[in-house]
C-alpha atoms as a PDB file:
ATOM      1  CA  MET A   1    -143.257  -3.142  87.252  1.00  0.00           C
ATOM      2  CA  THR A   2    -140.246  -2.677  88.576  1.00  0.00           C
ATOM      3  CA  ASP A   3    -137.278  -1.034  86.484  1.00  0.00           C
ATOM      4  CA  THR A   4    -133.835  -2.667  86.299  1.00  0.00           C
ATOM      5  CA  VAL A   5    -130.725  -0.936  86.789  1.00  0.00           C
ATOM      6  CA  PRO A   6    -127.617  -2.991  84.044  1.00  0.00           C
ATOM      7  CA  ALA A   7    -125.102  -3.540  86.110  1.00  0.00           C
ATOM      8  CA  PRO A   8    -121.748  -1.284  85.374  1.00  0.00           C
ATOM      9  CA  ILE A   9    -119.229  -2.697  82.309  1.00  0.00           C
ATOM     10  CA  ALA A  10    -115.374  -3.074  83.109  1.00  0.00           C
ATOM     11  CA  SER A  11    -113.132  -1.050  82.178  1.00  0.00           C
ATOM     12  CA  VAL A  12    -110.548  -2.456  80.201  1.00  0.00           C
ATOM     13  CA  SER A  13    -108.431   0.166  80.040  1.00  0.00           C
ATOM     14  CA  LYS A  14    -105.619   0.704  82.830  1.00  0.00           C
ATOM     15  CA  PRO A  15    -106.394   2.194  85.651  1.00  0.00           C
ATOM     16  CA  SER A  16    -103.730   4.766  85.033  1.00  0.00           C
ATOM     17  CA  GLY A  17    -104.227   7.008  82.590  1.00  0.00           C
ATOM     18  CA  ARG A  18    -105.714   7.128  79.194  1.00  0.00           C
ATOM     19  CA  ARG A  19    -104.238   5.387  76.180  1.00  0.00           C
ATOM     20  CA  THR A  20    -102.193   7.260  73.780  1.00  0.00           C
ATOM     21  CA  ARG A  21    -104.224   7.769  70.185  1.00  0.00           C
ATOM     22  CA  VAL A  22    -103.278  10.216  67.609  1.00  0.00           C
ATOM     23  CA  LYS A  23    -105.445  12.372  65.500  1.00  0.00           C
ATOM     24  CA  LEU A  24    -104.033  12.630  61.123  1.00  0.00           C
ATOM     25  CA  ARG A  25    -103.968  15.354  58.683  1.00  0.00           C
ATOM     26  CA  ARG A  26    -104.219  14.322  55.827  1.00  0.00           C
ATOM     27  CA  VAL A  27    -100.923  15.179  53.435  1.00  0.00           C
ATOM     28  CA  ASN A  28    -101.504  13.472  50.342  1.00  0.00           C
ATOM     29  CA  SER A  29    -103.404   9.824  49.331  1.00  0.00           C
ATOM     30  CA  ASP A  30    -100.820   7.534  50.924  1.00  0.00           C
ATOM     31  CA  PHE A  31     -99.268   9.630  54.113  1.00  0.00           C
ATOM     32  CA  SER A  32    -101.436  11.091  56.572  1.00  0.00           C
ATOM     33  CA  LYS A  33     -99.237  13.368  59.563  1.00  0.00           C
ATOM     34  CA  PRO A  34     -99.784  12.727  63.532  1.00  0.00           C
ATOM     35  CA  TYR A  35    -100.360  14.578  65.691  1.00  0.00           C
ATOM     36  CA  PRO A  36    -101.708  14.632  69.239  1.00  0.00           C
ATOM     37  CA  PRO A  37    -105.624  14.827  70.075  1.00  0.00           C
ATOM     38  CA  ASP A  38    -105.315  17.896  72.467  1.00  0.00           C
ATOM     39  CA  GLY A  39    -102.780  19.667  71.510  1.00  0.00           C
ATOM     40  CA  GLU A  40    -100.244  18.699  73.806  1.00  0.00           C
ATOM     41  CA  GLN A  41     -97.626  18.463  71.209  1.00  0.00           C
ATOM     42  CA  ARG A  42     -94.254  17.566  74.251  1.00  0.00           C
ATOM     43  CA  ARG A  43     -96.626  15.103  76.667  1.00  0.00           C
ATOM     44  CA  TRP A  44     -98.182  13.253  73.854  1.00  0.00           C
ATOM     45  CA  TRP A  45     -94.298  12.581  72.017  1.00  0.00           C
ATOM     46  CA  ASP A  46     -92.952  11.430  75.625  1.00  0.00           C
ATOM     47  CA  ARG A  47     -96.549   9.205  76.156  1.00  0.00           C
ATOM     48  CA  LEU A  48     -95.803   7.856  72.743  1.00  0.00           C
ATOM     49  CA  LYS A  49     -92.816   7.132  73.155  1.00  0.00           C
ATOM     50  CA  ALA A  50     -92.968   5.200  76.747  1.00  0.00           C
ATOM     51  CA  ALA A  51     -95.922   3.326  74.827  1.00  0.00           C
ATOM     52  CA  LEU A  52     -93.813   2.342  72.767  1.00  0.00           C
ATOM     53  CA  GLY A  53     -90.856   1.653  75.138  1.00  0.00           C
ATOM     54  CA  THR A  54     -88.405   3.796  73.359  1.00  0.00           C
ATOM     55  CA  THR A  55     -86.324   6.526  74.456  1.00  0.00           C
ATOM     56  CA  SER A  56     -85.615   6.961  70.326  1.00  0.00           C
ATOM     57  CA  SER A  57     -87.291   9.837  68.460  1.00  0.00           C
ATOM     58  CA  ASP A  58     -86.643   8.362  65.020  1.00  0.00           C
ATOM     59  CA  PHE A  59     -88.516   4.689  66.066  1.00  0.00           C
ATOM     60  CA  VAL A  60     -91.256   6.984  66.868  1.00  0.00           C
ATOM     61  CA  ASN A  61     -91.362   7.763  63.873  1.00  0.00           C
ATOM     62  CA  ALA A  62     -90.748   4.694  61.334  1.00  0.00           C
ATOM     63  CA  THR A  63     -93.119   3.186  63.780  1.00  0.00           C
ATOM     64  CA  LEU A  64     -96.112   6.120  63.171  1.00  0.00           C
ATOM     65  CA  LEU A  65     -95.150   5.465  59.359  1.00  0.00           C
ATOM     66  CA  GLN A  66     -95.054   1.636  59.601  1.00  0.00           C
ATOM     67  CA  ILE A  67     -99.074   1.572  61.618  1.00  0.00           C
ATOM     68  CA  GLN A  68    -100.432   3.628  59.319  1.00  0.00           C
ATOM     69  CA  ASN A  69     -99.247   1.579  56.018  1.00  0.00           C
ATOM     70  CA  ALA A  70    -100.574  -0.770  57.853  1.00  0.00           C
ATOM     71  CA  SER A  71    -103.690   0.532  58.455  1.00  0.00           C
ATOM     72  CA  ARG A  72    -104.873   1.126  55.592  1.00  0.00           C
ATOM     73  CA  MET A  73    -108.993   0.147  54.619  1.00  0.00           C
ATOM     74  CA  PRO A  74    -110.195  -1.930  51.984  1.00  0.00           C
ATOM     75  CA  SER A  75    -110.671   1.345  50.140  1.00  0.00           C
ATOM     76  CA  GLY A  76    -106.733   2.305  50.349  1.00  0.00           C
ATOM     77  CA  GLY A  77    -106.870   4.952  52.869  1.00  0.00           C
ATOM     78  CA  ILE A  78    -106.138   5.975  56.178  1.00  0.00           C
ATOM     79  CA  SER A  79    -107.903   5.350  59.354  1.00  0.00           C
ATOM     80  CA  GLU A  80    -107.070   6.932  62.494  1.00  0.00           C
ATOM     81  CA  ALA A  81    -109.797   4.287  64.853  1.00  0.00           C
ATOM     82  CA  SER A  82    -107.203   1.632  63.084  1.00  0.00           C
ATOM     83  CA  VAL A  83    -104.345   3.346  63.621  1.00  0.00           C
ATOM     84  CA  ASN A  84    -105.641   3.623  67.426  1.00  0.00           C
ATOM     85  CA  ALA A  85    -106.665   0.497  67.447  1.00  0.00           C
ATOM     86  CA  VAL A  86    -102.879  -0.752  66.973  1.00  0.00           C
ATOM     87  CA  LEU A  87    -101.681   1.806  69.280  1.00  0.00           C
ATOM     88  CA  ALA A  88    -103.939   0.574  71.936  1.00  0.00           C
ATOM     89  CA  PHE A  89    -102.718  -3.045  70.824  1.00  0.00           C
ATOM     90  CA  ILE A  90     -98.821  -2.156  71.795  1.00  0.00           C
ATOM     91  CA  GLU A  91     -99.457   0.525  74.595  1.00  0.00           C
ATOM     92  CA  ALA A  92    -101.976  -2.847  76.183  1.00  0.00           C
ATOM     93  CA  ALA A  93     -98.372  -5.551  75.120  1.00  0.00           C
ATOM     94  CA  GLU A  94     -95.843  -2.410  77.722  1.00  0.00           C
ATOM     95  CA  PRO A  95     -93.151  -3.341  75.620  1.00  0.00           C
ATOM     96  CA  LYS A  96     -90.403  -2.628  77.305  1.00  0.00           C
ATOM     97  CA  ASN A  97     -87.910  -2.687  74.524  1.00  0.00           C
ATOM     98  CA  GLU A  98     -88.062  -1.210  70.673  1.00  0.00           C
ATOM     99  CA  ILE A  99     -87.047  -4.791  70.335  1.00  0.00           C
ATOM    100  CA  GLU A 100     -90.631  -5.976  72.405  1.00  0.00           C
ATOM    101  CA  ALA A 101     -92.325  -3.300  70.728  1.00  0.00           C
ATOM    102  CA  ALA A 102     -91.613  -4.421  67.224  1.00  0.00           C
ATOM    103  CA  LEU A 103     -93.116  -7.469  68.205  1.00  0.00           C
ATOM    104  CA  ALA A 104     -95.912  -6.148  69.811  1.00  0.00           C
ATOM    105  CA  ILE A 105     -96.790  -3.549  66.401  1.00  0.00           C
ATOM    106  CA  GLN A 106     -96.503  -7.131  63.850  1.00  0.00           C
ATOM    107  CA  MET A 107     -98.567  -8.797  66.325  1.00  0.00           C
ATOM    108  CA  ALA A 108    -101.130  -5.717  66.303  1.00  0.00           C
ATOM    109  CA  CYS A 109    -100.549  -5.756  62.285  1.00  0.00           C
ATOM    110  CA  THR A 110    -101.355  -9.181  61.406  1.00  0.00           C
ATOM    111  CA  HIS A 111    -104.701  -9.145  64.323  1.00  0.00           C
ATOM    112  CA  ALA A 112    -105.792  -6.536  62.158  1.00  0.00           C
ATOM    113  CA  VAL A 113    -104.768  -7.646  58.057  1.00  0.00           C
ATOM    114  CA  ALA A 114    -106.821 -11.364  59.539  1.00  0.00           C
ATOM    115  CA  MET A 115    -109.568  -9.944  61.164  1.00  0.00           C
ATOM    116  CA  ALA A 116    -109.775  -7.734  57.482  1.00  0.00           C
ATOM    117  CA  ILE A 117    -109.127 -10.564  55.750  1.00  0.00           C
ATOM    118  CA  LEU A 118    -111.911 -13.109  56.828  1.00  0.00           C
ATOM    119  CA  SER A 119    -114.223 -10.086  57.240  1.00  0.00           C
ATOM    120  CA  ARG A 120    -114.105 -11.295  53.247  1.00  0.00           C
ATOM    121  CA  VAL A 121    -114.530 -15.062  53.676  1.00  0.00           C
ATOM    122  CA  GLY A 122    -117.935 -14.541  55.406  1.00  0.00           C
ATOM    123  CA  GLY A 123    -119.186 -12.388  52.111  1.00  0.00           C
ATOM    124  CA  ALA A 124    -118.411 -14.851  49.409  1.00  0.00           C
ATOM    125  CA  TYR A 125    -116.717 -12.513  47.272  1.00  0.00           C
ATOM    126  CA  GLY A 126    -115.751 -13.857  43.503  1.00  0.00           C
ATOM    127  CA  GLY A 127    -116.604 -17.719  43.915  1.00  0.00           C
ATOM    128  CA  ASP A 128    -116.093 -20.562  45.501  1.00  0.00           C
ATOM    129  CA  ARG A 129    -112.039 -20.711  44.929  1.00  0.00           C
ATOM    130  CA  HIS A 130    -112.077 -17.110  46.348  1.00  0.00           C
ATOM    131  CA  VAL A 131    -113.505 -18.191  49.566  1.00  0.00           C
ATOM    132  CA  ALA A 132    -111.760 -20.948  49.876  1.00  0.00           C
ATOM    133  CA  LEU A 133    -108.347 -18.600  49.520  1.00  0.00           C
ATOM    134  CA  MET A 134    -109.474 -16.015  52.254  1.00  0.00           C
ATOM    135  CA  ALA A 135    -110.010 -18.790  54.646  1.00  0.00           C
ATOM    136  CA  SER A 136    -106.326 -20.378  53.778  1.00  0.00           C
ATOM    137  CA  ALA A 137    -104.745 -16.795  54.019  1.00  0.00           C
ATOM    138  CA  GLY A 138    -106.387 -15.795  57.337  1.00  0.00           C
ATOM    139  CA  ALA A 139    -106.107 -19.212  58.842  1.00  0.00           C
ATOM    140  CA  ARG A 140    -102.579 -18.725  58.555  1.00  0.00           C
ATOM    141  CA  LEU A 141    -102.070 -15.172  59.378  1.00  0.00           C
ATOM    142  CA  LEU A 142    -104.218 -16.423  62.676  1.00  0.00           C
ATOM    143  CA  ASN A 143    -101.369 -19.142  63.142  1.00  0.00           C
ATOM    144  CA  ALA A 144     -98.702 -16.395  62.556  1.00  0.00           C
ATOM    145  CA  PHE A 145     -99.996 -14.630  65.537  1.00  0.00           C
ATOM    146  CA  THR A 146    -100.669 -17.693  68.176  1.00  0.00           C
ATOM    147  CA  ALA A 147     -96.146 -17.549  66.818  1.00  0.00           C
ATOM    148  CA  GLN A 148     -96.023 -14.253  68.172  1.00  0.00           C
ATOM    149  CA  ILE A 149     -97.921 -14.314  70.757  1.00  0.00           C
ATOM    150  CA  GLU A 150     -95.515 -17.448  71.786  1.00  0.00           C
ATOM    151  CA  THR A 151     -92.209 -16.130  70.765  1.00  0.00           C
ATOM    152  CA  MET A 152     -93.568 -12.352  73.576  1.00  0.00           C
ATOM    153  CA  ARG A 153     -93.821 -15.228  75.639  1.00  0.00           C
ATOM    154  CA  ARG A 154     -90.499 -16.367  75.468  1.00  0.00           C
ATOM    155  CA  LEU A 155     -88.756 -13.055  75.281  1.00  0.00           C
ATOM    156  CA  ARG A 156     -90.672 -11.852  78.214  1.00  0.00           C
ATOM    157  CA  ASN A 157     -90.336 -15.097  80.313  1.00  0.00           C
ATOM    158  CA  GLY A 158     -87.227 -17.292  78.806  1.00  0.00           C
ATOM    159  CA  GLY A 159     -87.222 -20.069  76.903  1.00  0.00           C
ATOM    160  CA  THR A 160     -88.633 -22.623  80.042  1.00  0.00           C
ATOM    161  CA  GLN A 161     -87.624 -26.005  80.457  1.00  0.00           C
ATOM    162  CA  ILE A 162     -89.874 -28.737  82.687  1.00  0.00           C
ATOM    163  CA  ILE A 163     -87.280 -31.077  84.434  1.00  0.00           C
ATOM    164  CA  ARG A 164     -89.729 -33.661  85.697  1.00  0.00           C
ATOM    165  CA  ILE A 165     -88.705 -35.968  89.200  1.00  0.00           C
ATOM    166  CA  GLU A 166     -89.470 -38.838  90.240  1.00  0.00           C
ATOM    167  CA  ARG A 167     -88.432 -41.154  92.554  1.00  0.00           C
ATOM    168  CA  VAL A 168     -86.867 -44.456  91.713  1.00  0.00           C
ATOM    169  CA  GLU A 169     -87.005 -46.772  94.229  1.00  0.00           C
ATOM    170  CA  VAL A 170     -85.023 -50.730  94.030  1.00  0.00           C
ATOM    171  CA  SER A 171     -84.623 -52.887  96.282  1.00  0.00           C
ATOM    172  CA  ASN A 172     -81.784 -54.915  97.247  1.00  0.00           C
ATOM    173  CA  GLY A 173     -80.804 -57.376  94.348  1.00  0.00           C
ATOM    174  CA  GLY A 174     -82.730 -55.435  91.673  1.00  0.00           C
ATOM    175  CA  GLN A 175     -81.935 -53.466  88.975  1.00  0.00           C
ATOM    176  CA  ALA A 176     -83.107 -50.230  87.328  1.00  0.00           C
ATOM    177  CA  VAL A 177     -82.975 -48.846  83.883  1.00  0.00           C
ATOM    178  CA  ILE A 178     -83.467 -45.007  83.760  1.00  0.00           C
ATOM    179  CA  GLY A 179     -83.936 -43.489  79.830  1.00  0.00           C
ATOM    180  CA  ASN A 180     -86.847 -43.388  77.457  1.00  0.00           C
ATOM    181  CA  VAL A 181     -87.710 -47.622  77.779  1.00  0.00           C
ATOM    182  CA  LYS A 182     -88.626 -48.959  74.015  1.00  0.00           C
ATOM    183  CA  ALA A 183     -89.915 -52.544  73.401  1.00  0.00           C
ATOM    184  CA  PRO A 184     -87.654 -54.292  70.959  1.00  0.00           C
ATOM    185  CA  CYS A 185     -89.329 -54.967  67.485  1.00  0.00           C
ATOM    186  CA  PRO A 186     -89.658 -58.317  66.477  1.00  0.00           C
ATOM    187  CA  THR A 187     -87.729 -59.504  63.468  1.00  0.00           C
ATOM    188  CA  ARG A 188     -88.830 -61.173  60.117  1.00  0.00           C
ATOM    189  CA  ASP A 189     -86.813 -63.920  59.258  1.00  0.00           C
ATOM    190  CA  ILE A 190     -86.981 -63.698  54.859  1.00  0.00           C
END
């Protein structure tokens, strides 16, 4: 009998280092204070700024509050794992400025909410009408997520226009029409 060693799993994190994470200290039921997991406040704050593509501490503070509000579990509590997942999503998007960061935040939160809603569809909580409403809401959120991805692509790459050039040869004595040509509709006599 031979032993097989499983192949190593490829890492999806950036080779340059680890993701920016937060620890949460609960202040009250609606708010938790984020702090660095390793205790290095200054380096951690700089990493958060870099992850969000900003130099503004106010933007980082506002973003951390928004992420906490969007990362509530169905029972109402703030989840540290959810906050860190949203941060990882944003950091993976590599925003270059606050506008791209805001869009990445929206994308991460839309994804998180869509997954929470779709998880309720499978359990058939509340009967057929409720399942249909949840499925519909999930589908709308997934469409919004797709639109957000397209918006990010356009924001980064600019609106692209496709110009198609075709070669047209017209022999002596021939005629050519350039443009969209539609066949005439037959008219009916009344």
